[in-house]
Protein backbone atom coordinates (compact mmCIF):
# COMPACT_ATOMS: atom_id res chain seq x y z
CA MET A 1 -89.79 8.48 -0.67
CA ALA A 2 -86.89 9.78 1.43
CA ASP A 3 -84.40 8.36 -1.11
CA VAL A 4 -85.91 10.45 -3.91
CA SER A 5 -85.65 13.68 -1.91
CA VAL A 6 -81.98 12.99 -1.04
CA VAL A 7 -81.14 12.46 -4.72
CA LYS A 8 -83.09 15.55 -5.70
CA PHE A 9 -81.32 17.60 -3.02
CA ALA A 10 -77.89 16.33 -4.09
CA THR A 11 -78.43 17.13 -7.77
CA GLU A 12 -79.87 20.61 -7.43
CA TRP A 13 -77.79 23.72 -7.90
CA PRO A 14 -75.83 24.70 -5.69
CA ASN A 15 -76.24 21.72 -3.36
CA TYR A 16 -73.92 19.43 -5.30
CA LEU A 17 -71.18 22.05 -4.92
CA TYR A 18 -71.62 21.92 -1.14
CA ILE A 19 -71.45 18.14 -1.18
CA ALA A 20 -68.36 18.15 -3.41
CA THR A 21 -66.68 20.69 -1.14
CA ALA A 22 -67.40 18.54 1.92
CA LEU A 23 -65.97 15.44 0.22
CA VAL A 24 -62.82 17.21 -0.96
CA SER A 25 -62.16 18.80 2.43
CA GLY A 26 -62.67 15.43 4.14
CA ALA A 27 -60.20 13.82 1.76
CA MET A 28 -57.67 16.58 2.47
CA LEU A 29 -57.96 15.90 6.20
CA VAL A 30 -57.40 12.17 5.74
CA TRP A 31 -54.59 12.42 3.13
CA PRO A 32 -51.66 13.09 5.53
CA ALA A 33 -52.48 9.96 7.53
CA VAL A 34 -52.75 7.88 4.35
CA ARG A 35 -49.54 9.28 2.90
CA ARG A 36 -47.61 8.63 6.09
CA GLY A 37 -48.31 4.94 5.65
CA THR A 38 -48.53 2.39 8.37
CA GLY A 39 -46.98 3.20 11.69
CA SER A 40 -46.91 6.16 13.97
CA SER A 41 -44.83 9.26 13.94
CA VAL A 42 -42.81 10.52 16.87
CA SER A 43 -41.61 14.00 17.67
CA PRO A 44 -37.90 14.67 18.00
CA HIS A 45 -38.34 14.81 21.78
CA ASP A 46 -40.09 11.43 21.90
CA ALA A 47 -37.47 10.01 19.54
CA THR A 48 -34.66 11.01 21.91
CA LEU A 49 -36.50 9.33 24.79
CA MET A 50 -36.84 6.15 22.72
CA ILE A 51 -33.17 6.26 21.74
CA ASN A 52 -31.98 6.80 25.32
CA ARG A 53 -34.42 4.54 27.18
CA GLN A 54 -35.20 1.78 24.68
CA ASP A 55 -32.02 1.78 22.56
CA ALA A 56 -34.07 2.61 19.45
CA LEU A 57 -32.35 2.33 16.09
CA VAL A 58 -32.49 5.35 13.76
CA VAL A 59 -32.59 4.46 10.06
CA ASP A 60 -31.99 7.38 7.72
CA VAL A 61 -33.45 6.62 4.29
CA ARG A 62 -32.10 9.73 2.58
CA SER A 63 -29.37 9.48 -0.05
CA ALA A 64 -25.75 8.92 0.98
CA GLU A 65 -24.91 12.48 -0.12
CA GLU A 66 -27.62 13.99 2.09
CA PHE A 67 -26.64 11.70 4.95
CA GLY A 68 -23.01 12.84 4.60
CA LYS A 69 -24.00 16.49 4.98
CA ALA A 70 -25.76 15.96 8.33
CA HIS A 71 -27.48 13.13 10.16
CA ILE A 72 -28.68 12.09 13.60
CA LEU A 73 -25.95 10.70 15.85
CA ASN A 74 -25.46 6.94 15.38
CA ALA A 75 -28.08 6.75 12.61
CA ARG A 76 -27.73 4.04 9.96
CA ASN A 77 -27.94 5.20 6.37
CA VAL A 78 -29.95 2.83 4.19
CA PRO A 79 -31.34 4.78 1.20
CA LEU A 80 -35.01 4.04 0.57
CA ALA A 81 -34.32 2.44 -2.82
CA GLN A 82 -31.96 -0.05 -1.12
CA LEU A 83 -33.99 -0.65 2.04
CA GLU A 84 -35.57 -3.96 1.11
CA GLY A 85 -32.35 -5.31 -0.41
CA ARG A 86 -30.29 -4.35 2.63
CA GLY A 87 -32.91 -5.33 5.19
CA GLY A 88 -30.74 -8.20 6.37
CA GLU A 89 -28.35 -5.67 7.94
CA LEU A 90 -31.15 -4.50 10.20
CA GLN A 91 -32.60 -7.90 11.18
CA LYS A 92 -30.65 -8.10 14.45
CA HIS A 93 -32.48 -4.93 15.56
CA LYS A 94 -35.98 -6.34 14.95
CA ALA A 95 -36.85 -6.40 18.66
CA LYS A 96 -35.93 -2.72 19.12
CA PRO A 97 -38.01 0.29 18.20
CA VAL A 98 -36.93 1.65 14.82
CA ILE A 99 -37.23 5.35 13.99
CA VAL A 100 -37.19 6.17 10.29
CA CYS A 101 -35.75 9.53 9.34
CA GLU A 102 -37.14 10.51 5.94
CA ASP A 103 -38.32 13.62 4.21
CA GLY A 104 -41.62 14.27 2.47
CA VAL A 105 -40.22 13.25 -0.91
CA ARG A 106 -39.13 9.82 0.30
CA SER A 107 -41.91 8.52 2.45
CA GLY A 108 -42.51 4.79 2.68
CA GLY A 109 -39.57 3.62 4.77
CA THR A 110 -41.88 2.76 7.66
CA ALA A 111 -44.12 0.63 5.45
CA ALA A 112 -41.11 -1.15 3.91
CA LEU A 113 -39.74 -2.07 7.33
CA ARG A 114 -43.15 -3.34 8.43
CA ARG A 115 -43.28 -5.57 5.34
CA MET A 116 -39.92 -6.99 6.47
CA GLY A 117 -41.42 -7.96 9.83
CA PHE A 118 -40.42 -5.03 12.03
CA GLN A 119 -43.18 -4.32 14.55
CA ASN A 120 -42.16 -1.12 16.40
CA VAL A 121 -41.52 1.25 13.51
CA TYR A 122 -42.00 4.99 13.78
CA THR A 123 -41.45 7.94 11.45
CA LEU A 124 -39.58 10.95 12.80
CA ALA A 125 -42.15 13.74 12.41
CA GLY A 126 -40.59 16.52 10.36
CA GLY A 127 -37.46 14.51 9.59
CA LEU A 128 -33.97 15.87 10.11
CA SER A 129 -35.09 19.48 9.79
CA ALA A 130 -37.42 19.10 12.80
CA TRP A 131 -34.60 17.39 14.69
CA GLN A 132 -32.29 20.35 14.01
CA GLN A 133 -34.99 22.91 14.80
CA ALA A 134 -35.39 21.24 18.20
CA GLY A 135 -31.70 21.97 18.81
CA LEU A 136 -30.70 18.31 18.91
CA PRO A 137 -27.19 17.26 17.84
CA VAL A 138 -26.26 16.04 14.38
CA GLU A 139 -23.08 14.58 12.91
CA LYS A 140 -21.57 16.14 9.82
């Protein structure tokens, strides 16, 4: 009997609009975590700690042109489209934490590195723009 009343409630005007609104807003809350892929993100401050204390490797997956304009000191440029093909270059760093510098357009570098067997992979939250806004040095 309770099942019938739930269905009746859900199908009556305007209740289904409330239910749809709740589902859409829940999906919007979950979407950023899903889009980010596997792995955690680190702030620019936490990234500098990892670089200085754990010798973390920074992999910049932006294009070579963007990388040439400005990039994090000592970062390796491996464009996202070439990441899996050039993964062998990074294999000697597998034991280190790896911080992926990407922008919102090119997300997925973290997941690609995890597929290649890297365990400690992090995304730089906000990418290079957050790094620069924090006043941290870049190479040009």
